[in-house]
Amino acid sequence: MRLFKNNSAIGSLAILVAVVLVFSGANVGAQDVATGSATATVLTVLAVVASQALQFGDVMQGVRKAIANNVDASSGIFAITGASLKEVSAYMQLPDYLWNSTNEDRLVISFSATDAVIDTLPGTPTAPGLGNSGNVDPHNLPEFQLANAGTGSIYLGGTVWPTVDQRNAAYAADIILTVAYTGQ
């Protein structure tokens, strides 16, 4: 038994010496530490305002009436403001009908593949038809970059199709534009 105790003591001493050598720092290699950082810039809030309704004015029964996308007094105008030179996507929810105030009669409205203009020149809005995208499809608006001033406008035209017995009334419907940054 005495032999066993001595072997145990020698084993413990060997482990103790090994631990001391490992943690003594006698042969420590070179070390270095670096600190990085994380940064972010939150963009200006993106805003859109329907600054002018698409206005057909007086319409005669049975006679279609079209409004071009570049008529200052009648085109629908949406003004967009946000971060300078940032790309946005835009989605326009377009009605199929305008309704009278009692919702008893409807007037067909349509939008062609060339009924929108995207204007990204400085100012809110500038003259229709200027900017980088003329005559685009309002059902499928392309992504576009806001101007250096962080502005852009979308002009909208369309056509109404009254029937020969269209009820005499004022008709209206909502046109909804949703814009979002693309991250570009």
C-alpha atoms as a PDB file:
ATOM      1  CA  MET A   1       0.000   0.000   0.000  1.00  0.00           C
ATOM      2  CA  ARG A   2       2.807   2.319   0.688  1.00  0.00           C
ATOM      3  CA  LEU A   3       3.951   2.052  -2.908  1.00  0.00           C
ATOM      4  CA  PHE A   4       0.511   3.034  -4.138  1.00  0.00           C
ATOM      5  CA  LYS A   5       0.448   6.174  -1.986  1.00  0.00           C
ATOM      6  CA  ASN A   6       3.868   7.276  -3.246  1.00  0.00           C
ATOM      7  CA  ASN A   7       2.842   6.727  -6.861  1.00  0.00           C
ATOM      8  CA  SER A   8      -0.266   8.778  -6.225  1.00  0.00           C
ATOM      9  CA  ALA A   9       1.807  11.564  -4.674  1.00  0.00           C
ATOM     10  CA  ILE A  10       4.251  11.507  -7.594  1.00  0.00           C
ATOM     11  CA  GLY A  11       1.331  11.605 -10.071  1.00  0.00           C
ATOM     12  CA  SER A  12      -0.216  14.568  -8.271  1.00  0.00           C
ATOM     13  CA  LEU A  13       3.121  16.363  -8.231  1.00  0.00           C
ATOM     14  CA  ALA A  14       3.557  15.733 -11.989  1.00  0.00           C
ATOM     15  CA  ILE A  15       0.102  17.194 -12.703  1.00  0.00           C
ATOM     16  CA  LEU A  16       0.855  20.208 -10.499  1.00  0.00           C
ATOM     17  CA  VAL A  17       4.150  20.857 -12.317  1.00  0.00           C
ATOM     18  CA  ALA A  18       2.405  20.557 -15.714  1.00  0.00           C
ATOM     19  CA  VAL A  19      -0.298  23.023 -14.676  1.00  0.00           C
ATOM     20  CA  VAL A  20       2.278  25.507 -13.360  1.00  0.00           C
ATOM     21  CA  LEU A  21       4.249  25.296 -16.598  1.00  0.00           C
ATOM     22  CA  VAL A  22       1.165  25.820 -18.748  1.00  0.00           C
ATOM     23  CA  PHE A  23      -0.040  28.868 -16.839  1.00  0.00           C
ATOM     24  CA  SER A  24       3.316  30.337 -15.919  1.00  0.00           C
ATOM     25  CA  GLY A  25       3.601  32.304 -19.157  1.00  0.00           C
ATOM     26  CA  ALA A  26       7.149  31.186 -19.689  1.00  0.00           C
ATOM     27  CA  ASN A  27       6.748  30.776 -23.464  1.00  0.00           C
ATOM     28  CA  VAL A  28       3.686  32.939 -24.284  1.00  0.00           C
ATOM     29  CA  GLY A  29       3.229  33.735 -28.008  1.00  0.00           C
ATOM     30  CA  ALA A  30       2.520  37.265 -29.350  1.00  0.00           C
ATOM     31  CA  GLN A  31      -1.022  38.574 -28.865  1.00  0.00           C
ATOM     32  CA  ASP A  32      -2.980  41.543 -30.210  1.00  0.00           C
ATOM     33  CA  VAL A  33      -6.506  42.885 -29.837  1.00  0.00           C
ATOM     34  CA  ALA A  34      -8.526  44.982 -32.297  1.00  0.00           C
ATOM     35  CA  THR A  35     -11.848  46.739 -31.868  1.00  0.00           C
ATOM     36  CA  GLY A  36     -14.180  47.115 -34.836  1.00  0.00           C
ATOM     37  CA  SER A  37     -17.409  49.060 -34.996  1.00  0.00           C
ATOM     38  CA  ALA A  38     -20.930  48.822 -36.372  1.00  0.00           C
ATOM     39  CA  THR A  39     -22.548  51.816 -38.076  1.00  0.00           C
ATOM     40  CA  ALA A  40     -25.928  52.627 -39.597  1.00  0.00           C
ATOM     41  CA  THR A  41     -27.664  55.670 -41.015  1.00  0.00           C
ATOM     42  CA  VAL A  42     -31.433  55.786 -40.735  1.00  0.00           C
ATOM     43  CA  LEU A  43     -32.970  57.363 -43.838  1.00  0.00           C
ATOM     44  CA  THR A  44     -35.406  60.244 -43.925  1.00  0.00           C
ATOM     45  CA  VAL A  45     -38.998  59.134 -43.568  1.00  0.00           C
ATOM     46  CA  LEU A  46     -40.561  58.439 -46.947  1.00  0.00           C
ATOM     47  CA  ALA A  47     -43.769  60.428 -47.500  1.00  0.00           C
ATOM     48  CA  VAL A  48     -46.276  60.613 -50.327  1.00  0.00           C
ATOM     49  CA  VAL A  49     -49.064  63.160 -50.796  1.00  0.00           C
ATOM     50  CA  ALA A  50     -51.869  63.052 -53.335  1.00  0.00           C
ATOM     51  CA  SER A  51     -51.486  66.708 -54.288  1.00  0.00           C
ATOM     52  CA  GLN A  52     -54.070  66.698 -57.089  1.00  0.00           C
ATOM     53  CA  ALA A  53     -56.959  64.403 -58.030  1.00  0.00           C
ATOM     54  CA  LEU A  54     -57.279  62.933 -61.519  1.00  0.00           C
ATOM     55  CA  GLN A  55     -60.008  65.312 -62.758  1.00  0.00           C
ATOM     56  CA  PHE A  56     -62.261  64.410 -65.692  1.00  0.00           C
ATOM     57  CA  GLY A  57     -64.569  67.392 -65.219  1.00  0.00           C
ATOM     58  CA  ASP A  58     -67.876  67.287 -67.096  1.00  0.00           C
ATOM     59  CA  VAL A  59     -68.504  64.044 -68.946  1.00  0.00           C
ATOM     60  CA  MET A  60     -71.291  63.413 -71.481  1.00  0.00           C
ATOM     61  CA  GLN A  61     -73.367  60.245 -71.507  1.00  0.00           C
ATOM     62  CA  GLY A  62     -72.035  57.694 -73.995  1.00  0.00           C
ATOM     63  CA  VAL A  63     -68.848  59.689 -74.759  1.00  0.00           C
ATOM     64  CA  ARG A  64     -65.559  58.438 -73.353  1.00  0.00           C
ATOM     65  CA  LYS A  65     -63.210  61.038 -71.928  1.00  0.00           C
ATOM     66  CA  ALA A  66     -59.470  60.644 -71.567  1.00  0.00           C
ATOM     67  CA  ILE A  67     -57.064  62.746 -69.509  1.00  0.00           C
ATOM     68  CA  ALA A  68     -53.394  62.611 -70.459  1.00  0.00           C
ATOM     69  CA  ASN A  69     -50.679  62.038 -67.867  1.00  0.00           C
ATOM     70  CA  ASN A  70     -49.071  65.410 -68.616  1.00  0.00           C
ATOM     71  CA  VAL A  71     -51.869  67.941 -68.113  1.00  0.00           C
ATOM     72  CA  ASP A  72     -51.068  70.158 -65.123  1.00  0.00           C
ATOM     73  CA  ALA A  73     -54.692  71.079 -64.435  1.00  0.00           C
ATOM     74  CA  SER A  74     -56.241  67.592 -64.766  1.00  0.00           C
ATOM     75  CA  SER A  75     -53.660  64.826 -64.252  1.00  0.00           C
ATOM     76  CA  GLY A  76     -53.557  63.094 -60.902  1.00  0.00           C
ATOM     77  CA  ILE A  77     -50.371  64.119 -59.088  1.00  0.00           C
ATOM     78  CA  PHE A  78     -48.612  62.300 -56.255  1.00  0.00           C
ATOM     79  CA  ALA A  79     -45.644  64.084 -54.635  1.00  0.00           C
ATOM     80  CA  ILE A  80     -43.004  61.912 -52.950  1.00  0.00           C
ATOM     81  CA  THR A  81     -40.317  63.081 -50.512  1.00  0.00           C
ATOM     82  CA  GLY A  82     -37.560  61.047 -48.913  1.00  0.00           C
ATOM     83  CA  ALA A  83     -33.802  60.591 -48.798  1.00  0.00           C
ATOM     84  CA  SER A  84     -31.714  62.141 -51.540  1.00  0.00           C
ATOM     85  CA  LEU A  85     -30.838  59.833 -54.465  1.00  0.00           C
ATOM     86  CA  LYS A  86     -32.363  56.717 -52.869  1.00  0.00           C
ATOM     87  CA  GLU A  87     -34.318  54.209 -54.929  1.00  0.00           C
ATOM     88  CA  VAL A  88     -38.003  53.611 -54.218  1.00  0.00           C
ATOM     89  CA  SER A  89     -40.588  51.167 -55.433  1.00  0.00           C
ATOM     90  CA  ALA A  90     -44.144  52.340 -56.017  1.00  0.00           C
ATOM     91  CA  TYR A  91     -47.411  50.421 -56.218  1.00  0.00           C
ATOM     92  CA  MET A  92     -50.615  52.055 -57.380  1.00  0.00           C
ATOM     93  CA  GLN A  93     -54.006  50.610 -56.466  1.00  0.00           C
ATOM     94  CA  LEU A  94     -56.303  51.712 -59.271  1.00  0.00           C
ATOM     95  CA  PRO A  95     -60.098  51.495 -59.275  1.00  0.00           C
ATOM     96  CA  ASP A  96     -62.146  49.791 -61.999  1.00  0.00           C
ATOM     97  CA  TYR A  97     -65.114  52.092 -61.354  1.00  0.00           C
ATOM     98  CA  LEU A  98     -66.008  55.500 -60.009  1.00  0.00           C
ATOM     99  CA  TRP A  99     -69.157  55.449 -57.850  1.00  0.00           C
ATOM    100  CA  ASN A 100     -71.866  58.050 -57.330  1.00  0.00           C
ATOM    101  CA  SER A 101     -72.490  59.343 -53.791  1.00  0.00           C
ATOM    102  CA  THR A 102     -75.268  56.811 -53.091  1.00  0.00           C
ATOM    103  CA  ASN A 103     -73.311  53.860 -54.553  1.00  0.00           C
ATOM    104  CA  GLU A 104     -76.230  53.112 -56.871  1.00  0.00           C
ATOM    105  CA  ASP A 105     -74.383  53.705 -60.124  1.00  0.00           C
ATOM    106  CA  ARG A 106     -70.840  53.254 -61.310  1.00  0.00           C
ATOM    107  CA  LEU A 107     -68.734  54.743 -64.088  1.00  0.00           C
ATOM    108  CA  VAL A 108     -66.058  52.589 -65.740  1.00  0.00           C
ATOM    109  CA  ILE A 109     -62.506  53.941 -65.532  1.00  0.00           C
ATOM    110  CA  SER A 110     -59.451  52.427 -67.205  1.00  0.00           C
ATOM    111  CA  PHE A 111     -55.717  53.014 -67.234  1.00  0.00           C
ATOM    112  CA  SER A 112     -53.511  52.148 -70.200  1.00  0.00           C
ATOM    113  CA  ALA A 113     -49.912  50.935 -70.135  1.00  0.00           C
ATOM    114  CA  THR A 114     -48.752  54.525 -70.810  1.00  0.00           C
ATOM    115  CA  ASP A 115     -50.948  56.493 -68.397  1.00  0.00           C
ATOM    116  CA  ALA A 116     -48.254  57.403 -65.838  1.00  0.00           C
ATOM    117  CA  VAL A 117     -45.179  59.641 -65.792  1.00  0.00           C
ATOM    118  CA  ILE A 118     -42.466  59.504 -63.123  1.00  0.00           C
ATOM    119  CA  ASP A 119     -40.720  62.827 -62.613  1.00  0.00           C
ATOM    120  CA  THR A 120     -37.560  62.980 -60.499  1.00  0.00           C
ATOM    121  CA  LEU A 121     -36.341  66.469 -61.268  1.00  0.00           C
ATOM    122  CA  PRO A 122     -35.938  68.793 -58.252  1.00  0.00           C
ATOM    123  CA  GLY A 123     -39.125  70.406 -57.030  1.00  0.00           C
ATOM    124  CA  THR A 124     -42.417  68.975 -55.901  1.00  0.00           C
ATOM    125  CA  PRO A 125     -43.833  68.644 -58.485  1.00  0.00           C
ATOM    126  CA  THR A 126     -42.206  70.045 -61.618  1.00  0.00           C
ATOM    127  CA  ALA A 127     -43.805  70.041 -65.058  1.00  0.00           C
ATOM    128  CA  PRO A 128     -45.289  66.658 -65.988  1.00  0.00           C
ATOM    129  CA  GLY A 129     -43.422  64.568 -68.501  1.00  0.00           C
ATOM    130  CA  LEU A 130     -39.988  65.579 -67.248  1.00  0.00           C
ATOM    131  CA  GLY A 131     -37.674  63.308 -65.339  1.00  0.00           C
ATOM    132  CA  ASN A 132     -36.469  59.839 -66.108  1.00  0.00           C
ATOM    133  CA  SER A 133     -39.600  57.803 -66.889  1.00  0.00           C
ATOM    134  CA  GLY A 134     -42.289  59.034 -69.226  1.00  0.00           C
ATOM    135  CA  ASN A 135     -45.351  57.059 -70.243  1.00  0.00           C
ATOM    136  CA  VAL A 136     -45.087  54.072 -67.923  1.00  0.00           C
ATOM    137  CA  ASP A 137     -47.708  51.536 -66.879  1.00  0.00           C
ATOM    138  CA  PRO A 138     -49.439  52.640 -63.662  1.00  0.00           C
ATOM    139  CA  HIS A 139     -50.298  48.975 -62.998  1.00  0.00           C
ATOM    140  CA  ASN A 140     -46.580  48.110 -62.987  1.00  0.00           C
ATOM    141  CA  LEU A 141     -44.534  51.146 -61.977  1.00  0.00           C
ATOM    142  CA  PRO A 142     -40.753  50.762 -62.292  1.00  0.00           C
ATOM    143  CA  GLU A 143     -38.419  51.368 -59.378  1.00  0.00           C
ATOM    144  CA  PHE A 144     -36.864  54.831 -59.552  1.00  0.00           C
ATOM    145  CA  GLN A 145     -34.369  57.039 -57.771  1.00  0.00           C
ATOM    146  CA  LEU A 146     -35.492  60.180 -55.964  1.00  0.00           C
ATOM    147  CA  ALA A 147     -33.902  63.450 -57.072  1.00  0.00           C
ATOM    148  CA  ASN A 148     -30.901  65.007 -55.363  1.00  0.00           C
ATOM    149  CA  ALA A 149     -33.398  67.051 -53.335  1.00  0.00           C
ATOM    150  CA  GLY A 150     -35.100  63.810 -52.195  1.00  0.00           C
ATOM    151  CA  THR A 151     -38.223  64.425 -54.282  1.00  0.00           C
ATOM    152  CA  GLY A 152     -40.185  62.758 -57.030  1.00  0.00           C
ATOM    153  CA  SER A 153     -43.665  62.927 -58.548  1.00  0.00           C
ATOM    154  CA  ILE A 154     -45.982  60.548 -60.326  1.00  0.00           C
ATOM    155  CA  TYR A 155     -48.483  61.975 -62.795  1.00  0.00           C
ATOM    156  CA  LEU A 156     -51.507  59.874 -63.734  1.00  0.00           C
ATOM    157  CA  GLY A 157     -53.923  59.997 -66.639  1.00  0.00           C
ATOM    158  CA  GLY A 158     -56.826  57.703 -67.470  1.00  0.00           C
ATOM    159  CA  THR A 159     -60.102  57.261 -69.344  1.00  0.00           C
ATOM    160  CA  VAL A 160     -63.734  57.122 -68.193  1.00  0.00           C
ATOM    161  CA  TRP A 161     -66.361  55.268 -70.203  1.00  0.00           C
ATOM    162  CA  PRO A 162     -69.901  56.548 -69.430  1.00  0.00           C
ATOM    163  CA  THR A 163     -72.813  54.540 -70.751  1.00  0.00           C
ATOM    164  CA  VAL A 164     -75.494  56.131 -72.943  1.00  0.00           C
ATOM    165  CA  ASP A 165     -77.836  56.126 -69.948  1.00  0.00           C
ATOM    166  CA  GLN A 166     -75.259  57.018 -67.265  1.00  0.00           C
ATOM    167  CA  ARG A 167     -76.975  58.533 -64.229  1.00  0.00           C
ATOM    168  CA  ASN A 168     -76.489  62.288 -63.822  1.00  0.00           C
ATOM    169  CA  ALA A 169     -74.291  62.496 -60.698  1.00  0.00           C
ATOM    170  CA  ALA A 170     -70.809  63.189 -59.404  1.00  0.00           C
ATOM    171  CA  TYR A 171     -68.621  60.066 -59.341  1.00  0.00           C
ATOM    172  CA  ALA A 172     -65.454  59.364 -57.346  1.00  0.00           C
ATOM    173  CA  ALA A 173     -63.086  56.569 -56.291  1.00  0.00           C
ATOM    174  CA  ASP A 174     -59.849  56.259 -54.372  1.00  0.00           C
ATOM    175  CA  ILE A 175     -56.464  55.879 -56.049  1.00  0.00           C
ATOM    176  CA  ILE A 176     -53.894  54.619 -53.552  1.00  0.00           C
ATOM    177  CA  LEU A 177     -50.138  54.957 -54.018  1.00  0.00           C
ATOM    178  CA  THR A 178     -47.771  53.035 -51.749  1.00  0.00           C
ATOM    179  CA  VAL A 179     -44.037  53.798 -51.856  1.00  0.00           C
ATOM    180  CA  ALA A 180     -41.136  52.070 -50.098  1.00  0.00           C
ATOM    181  CA  TYR A 181     -37.359  52.231 -50.130  1.00  0.00           C
ATOM    182  CA  THR A 182     -35.747  49.348 -52.027  1.00  0.00           C
ATOM    183  CA  GLY A 183     -32.474  49.462 -50.088  1.00  0.00           C
ATOM    184  CA  GLN A 184     -30.532  50.666 -53.150  1.00  0.00           C
END
